[in-house]
Amino acid sequence: MPRPTKDLKQLARAHTSAAIKTLIGIMNQPKAPAAARIAASNSILERGWGKSVQPHAGEDGEGPVEIKVIETIIVDPKNQGR
């Protein structure tokens, strides 16, 4: 995915205050759907505190992720024994 240009970042950052106010308005709106209120709340928390750490689990869903390294060594048969 291409990175946003500097101008696009500046434009988006110029609207940060309005965007946060909008999220807070949705979060505090009792008649808004619960999913919208939760999404707004999560967005506000992530911007203020960062995303929570997601632990990685193995294929069985438990335990640590097993990392396997496959290494290929190419040997020149003319240089064997040197």
Protein backbone atom coordinates (compact mmCIF):
# COMPACT_ATOMS: atom_id res chain seq x y z
CA MET A 1 0.00 0.00 0.00
CA PRO A 2 1.50 3.37 -0.95
CA ARG A 3 2.35 5.77 1.84
CA PRO A 4 0.27 8.95 2.09
CA THR A 5 1.93 12.03 0.70
CA LYS A 6 3.08 14.74 3.08
CA ASP A 7 0.27 17.04 1.87
CA LEU A 8 -2.36 14.38 2.56
CA LYS A 9 -0.99 13.80 6.07
CA GLN A 10 -1.02 17.54 6.76
CA LEU A 11 -4.60 17.82 5.50
CA ALA A 12 -5.74 14.91 7.66
CA ARG A 13 -3.93 16.26 10.72
CA ALA A 14 -5.59 19.64 10.22
CA HIS A 15 -8.93 17.90 10.88
CA THR A 16 -7.83 15.92 13.93
CA SER A 17 -9.74 18.05 16.43
CA ALA A 18 -13.00 17.85 14.45
CA ALA A 19 -12.58 14.10 13.95
CA ILE A 20 -12.03 13.49 17.67
CA LYS A 21 -15.05 15.68 18.51
CA THR A 22 -17.14 13.64 16.05
CA LEU A 23 -15.99 10.36 17.61
CA ILE A 24 -16.78 11.69 21.09
CA GLY A 25 -20.22 12.81 19.87
CA ILE A 26 -20.97 9.33 18.50
CA MET A 27 -19.64 7.66 21.64
CA ASN A 28 -21.86 9.83 23.86
CA GLN A 29 -25.00 9.53 21.69
CA PRO A 30 -27.39 7.14 23.53
CA LYS A 31 -29.48 6.62 20.38
CA ALA A 32 -26.48 5.64 18.24
CA PRO A 33 -26.12 1.92 17.52
CA ALA A 34 -24.00 0.12 20.09
CA ALA A 35 -21.54 -0.96 17.38
CA ALA A 36 -20.95 2.67 16.37
CA ARG A 37 -20.46 3.74 20.00
CA ILE A 38 -17.99 0.91 20.59
CA ALA A 39 -16.08 1.67 17.39
CA ALA A 40 -15.86 5.35 18.30
CA SER A 41 -14.72 4.50 21.84
CA ASN A 42 -12.04 2.14 20.54
CA SER A 43 -10.81 4.72 18.05
CA ILE A 44 -10.48 7.34 20.77
CA LEU A 45 -8.64 4.95 23.10
CA GLU A 46 -6.26 3.78 20.37
CA ARG A 47 -5.37 7.34 19.45
CA GLY A 48 -4.74 8.28 23.06
CA TRP A 49 -3.07 5.10 24.33
CA GLY A 50 -2.11 3.07 21.25
CA LYS A 51 -3.42 -0.33 20.26
CA SER A 52 -3.34 -3.02 22.91
CA VAL A 53 -0.70 -5.71 22.61
CA GLN A 54 -1.99 -8.80 20.83
CA PRO A 55 -0.32 -12.01 22.01
CA HIS A 56 0.58 -14.52 19.33
CA ALA A 57 -0.56 -18.11 19.75
CA GLY A 58 0.36 -21.29 17.93
CA GLU A 59 -1.84 -23.06 15.40
CA ASP A 60 -3.77 -24.79 18.19
CA GLY A 61 -4.63 -21.38 19.65
CA GLU A 62 -2.54 -22.04 22.73
CA GLY A 63 1.09 -21.69 23.59
CA PRO A 64 3.76 -19.68 21.82
CA VAL A 65 4.17 -19.48 18.08
CA GLU A 66 6.72 -21.97 16.81
CA ILE A 67 9.13 -20.47 14.31
CA LYS A 68 10.99 -22.80 12.00
CA VAL A 69 13.98 -21.69 9.97
CA ILE A 70 14.83 -23.45 6.74
CA GLU A 71 18.36 -22.85 5.57
CA THR A 72 19.73 -23.78 2.17
CA ILE A 73 23.48 -24.20 1.81
CA ILE A 74 24.86 -24.48 -1.69
CA VAL A 75 28.14 -26.37 -1.82
CA ASP A 76 30.44 -26.27 -4.80
CA PRO A 77 31.50 -29.90 -5.32
CA LYS A 78 34.87 -28.73 -6.70
CA ASN A 79 35.72 -27.04 -3.37
CA GLN A 80 34.70 -29.85 -1.03
CA GLY A 81 37.37 -30.81 1.44
CA ARG A 82 39.11 -27.45 1.32
